[in-house]
C-alpha cells in the first residue's frame, strides 16, 4: 500500500462563529488522486484552505511528509512543496500568460525551466497565448493557467478546488486528461462536485457531510455503490 504524503487528523476549523470542520481525518497517498466530495456547504473547500494555511485549525494535526504544518504560514507551506489552486483560480487578468507563470515561480533555475516545458506539453493552449493577457483566455484556459502556475514549482502535493466548475463537457474531458498526467509526478487532492470528473480521475474518495468525513475508500467502490451516492451526493442511477 502506498504511503500517505498528507495526513489530516481530527482537524477542527472555525470561520468566525461557525464550526465548519468538526474533527475531519483523511489522507492522500503517493501516486494517487484523492477526491473530497459532498454536497455544497459540506466543508470541502474549507478542508483545502486549512491544509494550505489560509484558515487556521483550532484542533488536530496536519502532517505533510511526516512534518506538522498546521501552525505554519501559507507561504511556508507552499515552499515545502504544496501547491494550491483556489476555486476562483487566482490568476492575474492584466498580466500575460508568461508573466503569470513567472510571478508564480519560487526560483528560476534549470529544474524550473524543465517543469515549465513539461507543463506547456500538458497545457498546449498556454503556449499559443504566451504573450496574451490572461484576461482574454476562455474559462477552461484560465483554469489550465491556474493549475500550470501551481505545478511549475517543485510541487509534490497539489490541492485543486472545483476545477470543472462552469466548464463545458469537452473542457472537462481535457482537464481529466491533464490531471491524469499530473498525478504521475504529483499527489493530487481534488475537491469536485462533478461526479463524472471525480470518478474519472480519483483513486480514493472521502465524503464530507456537515463538516465531518462520513465515508471513504476506493473510488471504484463508490462508483458501484448506488445507496451511498444517493444518500450523500444526491445522485440517482437514472441521473448518471
Protein backbone atom coordinates (compact mmCIF):
# COMPACT_ATOMS: atom_id res chain seq x y z
CA UNK A 1 0.00 0.00 0.00
CA UNK A 2 1.25 3.48 -0.89
CA UNK A 3 2.47 5.71 1.90
CA UNK A 4 0.40 8.79 2.74
CA UNK A 5 2.16 12.07 1.86
CA UNK A 6 -0.58 14.07 3.65
CA UNK A 7 -2.39 13.15 6.85
CA UNK A 8 -5.18 15.27 8.30
CA UNK A 9 -6.04 14.07 11.79
CA UNK A 10 -9.00 15.21 13.91
CA UNK A 11 -8.96 18.71 12.45
CA UNK A 12 -11.42 21.41 13.51
CA UNK A 13 -11.77 24.73 11.70
CA UNK A 14 -13.94 27.74 12.54
CA UNK A 15 -14.87 30.61 10.25
CA UNK A 16 -15.96 33.32 12.63
CA UNK A 17 -18.53 31.76 14.94
CA UNK A 18 -19.22 28.90 12.55
CA UNK A 19 -17.72 25.48 13.32
CA UNK A 20 -17.10 24.30 9.75
CA UNK A 21 -14.76 21.31 10.09
CA UNK A 22 -15.68 19.09 13.01
CA UNK A 23 -12.78 16.73 13.53
CA UNK A 24 -12.14 15.56 9.98
CA UNK A 25 -9.49 12.99 9.19
CA UNK A 26 -8.27 11.92 5.75
CA UNK A 27 -5.03 11.19 3.97
CA UNK A 28 -3.57 11.41 0.49
CA UNK A 29 -1.42 8.57 -0.73
CA UNK A 30 1.50 8.78 -3.11
CA UNK A 31 0.89 8.24 -6.83
CA UNK A 32 -2.84 8.82 -6.49
CA UNK A 33 -5.68 11.32 -6.72
CA UNK A 34 -7.81 11.69 -3.61
CA UNK A 35 -11.19 13.35 -4.09
CA UNK A 36 -13.12 15.19 -1.39
CA UNK A 37 -16.74 15.02 -2.41
CA UNK A 38 -20.07 16.03 -0.92
CA UNK A 39 -22.92 18.47 -1.20
CA UNK A 40 -22.46 22.25 -1.20
CA UNK A 41 -21.54 23.57 2.25
CA UNK A 42 -20.14 20.25 3.45
CA UNK A 43 -16.71 21.76 4.22
CA UNK A 44 -14.69 20.54 1.25
CA UNK A 45 -13.14 23.87 0.25
CA UNK A 46 -12.54 24.72 3.91
CA UNK A 47 -10.55 21.49 4.20
CA UNK A 48 -8.17 22.55 1.40
CA UNK A 49 -7.81 26.08 2.77
CA UNK A 50 -6.99 24.62 6.18
CA UNK A 51 -4.28 22.37 4.74
CA UNK A 52 -2.62 25.26 2.89
CA UNK A 53 -2.87 27.51 5.96
CA UNK A 54 -5.35 30.10 4.69
CA UNK A 55 -7.71 29.10 7.50
CA UNK A 56 -6.28 28.17 10.91
CA UNK A 57 -7.27 24.91 12.53
CA UNK A 58 -8.27 25.12 16.19
CA UNK A 59 -7.54 21.47 16.94
CA UNK A 60 -5.96 18.43 15.30
CA UNK A 61 -2.81 17.75 13.28
CA UNK A 62 -1.93 18.15 9.62
CA UNK A 63 1.14 16.17 8.59
CA UNK A 64 2.99 16.63 5.29
CA UNK A 65 5.81 14.16 4.64
CA UNK A 66 5.88 13.45 8.38
CA UNK A 67 6.11 17.10 9.45
CA UNK A 68 3.39 19.04 11.25
CA UNK A 69 2.29 22.06 9.20
CA UNK A 70 -0.93 23.25 10.86
CA UNK A 71 0.79 26.21 12.56
CA UNK A 72 2.78 27.35 9.53
CA UNK A 73 2.02 30.33 7.29
CA UNK A 74 0.68 29.70 3.76
CA UNK A 75 3.93 30.84 2.11
CA UNK A 76 5.92 28.48 4.35
CA UNK A 77 3.63 25.59 3.41
CA UNK A 78 3.89 26.45 -0.30
CA UNK A 79 7.70 26.43 -0.10
CA UNK A 80 7.57 22.92 1.36
CA UNK A 81 6.09 21.70 -1.94
CA UNK A 82 2.32 22.11 -1.65
CA UNK A 83 0.52 23.88 -4.49
CA UNK A 84 -2.99 25.29 -4.20
CA UNK A 85 -5.43 26.14 -6.99
CA UNK A 86 -8.37 28.05 -5.48
CA UNK A 87 -11.91 27.92 -6.80
CA UNK A 88 -11.58 31.47 -8.17
CA UNK A 89 -8.32 30.42 -9.93
CA UNK A 90 -6.33 33.40 -8.58
CA UNK A 91 -4.72 34.42 -11.87
CA UNK A 92 -3.72 37.99 -12.76
CA UNK A 93 -6.01 39.04 -15.63
CA UNK A 94 -3.92 42.11 -16.56
CA UNK A 95 -0.66 40.15 -16.83
CA UNK A 96 0.28 37.98 -19.78
CA UNK A 97 0.29 34.21 -19.53
CA UNK A 98 4.10 34.35 -19.41
CA UNK A 99 4.07 36.95 -16.61
CA UNK A 100 1.56 34.89 -14.63
CA UNK A 101 3.86 31.89 -14.85
CA UNK A 102 6.99 33.85 -13.89
CA UNK A 103 5.28 35.50 -10.91
CA UNK A 104 4.37 32.02 -9.67
CA UNK A 105 7.93 30.66 -9.86
CA UNK A 106 9.67 30.39 -6.49
CA UNK A 107 13.02 30.22 -8.32
CA UNK A 108 14.04 30.42 -11.97
CA UNK A 109 16.56 27.65 -12.50
CA UNK A 110 17.13 24.74 -14.85
CA UNK A 111 14.74 22.45 -12.95
CA UNK A 112 12.01 25.09 -13.13
CA UNK A 113 12.63 25.51 -16.86
CA UNK A 114 12.21 21.75 -17.34
CA UNK A 115 8.97 21.75 -15.33
CA UNK A 116 7.71 24.69 -17.41
CA UNK A 117 8.40 22.75 -20.60
CA UNK A 118 6.54 19.73 -19.21
CA UNK A 119 3.67 21.94 -18.10
CA UNK A 120 3.32 23.50 -21.56
CA UNK A 121 3.24 20.00 -23.04
CA UNK A 122 0.25 19.22 -20.81
CA UNK A 123 -1.48 22.57 -21.41
CA UNK A 124 -0.52 23.34 -25.02
CA UNK A 125 -3.04 26.20 -25.29
CA UNK A 126 -0.97 28.26 -22.88
CA UNK A 127 1.95 28.35 -25.29
CA UNK A 128 -0.31 29.70 -28.02
CA UNK A 129 -1.36 32.60 -25.74
CA UNK A 130 2.07 33.06 -24.11
CA UNK A 131 2.25 36.81 -24.78
CA UNK A 132 -1.50 37.48 -24.42
CA UNK A 133 -3.17 38.95 -21.36
CA UNK A 134 -4.65 36.22 -19.18
CA UNK A 135 -7.95 38.08 -19.03
CA UNK A 136 -8.75 37.21 -22.65
CA UNK A 137 -8.48 33.45 -22.07
CA UNK A 138 -11.56 31.24 -22.02
CA UNK A 139 -12.74 29.79 -18.72
CA UNK A 140 -11.08 26.48 -19.49
CA UNK A 141 -7.80 28.13 -20.45
CA UNK A 142 -7.83 30.20 -17.26
CA UNK A 143 -8.25 27.00 -15.26
CA UNK A 144 -5.33 25.47 -17.14
CA UNK A 145 -3.21 28.53 -16.32
CA UNK A 146 -4.18 28.35 -12.64
CA UNK A 147 -3.08 24.72 -12.43
CA UNK A 148 0.05 25.37 -14.51
CA UNK A 149 1.12 28.11 -12.08
CA UNK A 150 0.96 25.60 -9.23
CA UNK A 151 2.93 22.82 -10.91
CA UNK A 152 5.75 24.93 -12.38
CA UNK A 153 7.35 24.74 -8.92
CA UNK A 154 8.62 21.57 -7.25
CA UNK A 155 5.12 20.58 -6.16
CA UNK A 156 4.79 17.16 -4.59
CA UNK A 157 1.21 17.76 -3.37
CA UNK A 158 -1.34 19.68 -5.42
CA UNK A 159 -4.65 20.87 -3.93
CA UNK A 160 -7.28 21.81 -6.53
CA UNK A 161 -10.66 23.31 -5.64
CA UNK A 162 -13.59 22.73 -8.05
CA UNK A 163 -11.62 22.82 -11.34
CA UNK A 164 -14.55 21.79 -13.56
CA UNK A 165 -16.95 24.44 -12.26
CA UNK A 166 -18.66 26.21 -15.16
CA UNK A 167 -16.74 24.33 -17.86
CA UNK A 168 -18.26 22.72 -20.93
CA UNK A 169 -18.09 18.88 -21.08
CA UNK A 170 -15.35 18.89 -23.73
CA UNK A 171 -13.17 21.05 -21.46
CA UNK A 172 -13.89 18.79 -18.50
CA UNK A 173 -12.56 15.88 -20.57
CA UNK A 174 -9.39 17.88 -21.34
CA UNK A 175 -8.98 18.62 -17.64
CA UNK A 176 -9.40 14.94 -16.77
CA UNK A 177 -6.62 14.06 -19.22
CA UNK A 178 -4.37 16.76 -17.74
CA UNK A 179 -4.88 15.67 -14.13
CA UNK A 180 -4.23 12.05 -15.07
CA UNK A 181 -0.86 13.21 -16.44
CA UNK A 182 -0.10 15.43 -13.44
CA UNK A 183 -0.67 12.60 -10.95
CA UNK A 184 2.32 10.76 -12.44
CA UNK A 185 4.62 13.18 -10.60
CA UNK A 186 2.46 14.97 -8.03
CA UNK A 187 -0.05 13.73 -5.46
CA UNK A 188 -3.41 15.40 -6.07
CA UNK A 189 -6.19 16.23 -3.61
CA UNK A 190 -9.23 17.37 -5.53
CA UNK A 191 -12.47 18.99 -4.40
CA UNK A 192 -15.03 18.29 -7.10
CA UNK A 193 -18.83 18.43 -7.44
CA UNK A 194 -18.88 16.88 -10.91
CA UNK A 195 -19.11 13.15 -10.19
CA UNK A 196 -18.15 12.24 -13.75
CA UNK A 197 -14.87 14.08 -13.34
CA UNK A 198 -14.33 12.90 -9.76
CA UNK A 199 -14.78 9.26 -10.75
CA UNK A 200 -12.64 9.66 -13.89
CA UNK A 201 -9.54 10.88 -12.05
CA UNK A 202 -10.00 9.73 -8.45
CA UNK A 203 -8.30 6.71 -6.93
CA UNK A 204 -9.63 7.32 -3.42
CA UNK A 205 -12.54 9.33 -2.07
CA UNK A 206 -13.79 10.87 1.15
CA UNK A 207 -17.38 12.05 1.50
CA UNK A 208 -17.85 15.14 3.68
CA UNK A 209 -21.22 15.93 5.20
CA UNK A 210 -21.85 18.80 7.64
CA UNK A 211 -18.13 19.23 8.31
CA UNK A 212 -17.44 15.57 9.01
CA UNK A 213 -15.99 12.70 6.98
CA UNK A 214 -18.77 10.14 6.79
CA UNK A 215 -17.28 7.66 4.35
CA UNK A 216 -14.07 6.94 2.47
CA UNK A 217 -12.45 4.28 0.36
CA UNK A 218 -11.61 3.30 -3.20
CA UNK A 219 -13.30 5.39 -5.88
CA UNK A 220 -14.28 2.27 -7.82
CA UNK A 221 -16.30 1.12 -4.81
CA UNK A 222 -18.17 4.45 -4.64
CA UNK A 223 -18.94 4.29 -8.36
CA UNK A 224 -20.73 0.98 -7.76
CA UNK A 225 -22.48 1.99 -4.51
CA UNK A 226 -25.84 3.42 -5.56
CA UNK A 227 -27.09 3.75 -1.98
CA UNK A 228 -24.10 5.81 -0.83
CA UNK A 229 -24.26 8.09 -3.87
CA UNK A 230 -27.97 8.66 -3.37
CA UNK A 231 -27.72 9.31 0.37
CA UNK A 232 -24.81 11.76 0.42
CA UNK A 233 -24.41 13.05 -3.13
CA UNK A 234 -28.00 13.13 -4.37
CA UNK A 235 -27.04 11.02 -7.38
CA UNK A 236 -29.60 8.54 -8.64
CA UNK A 237 -28.83 5.80 -11.15
CA UNK A 238 -31.15 7.49 -13.65
CA UNK A 239 -29.29 10.80 -13.30
CA UNK A 240 -25.86 9.41 -14.24
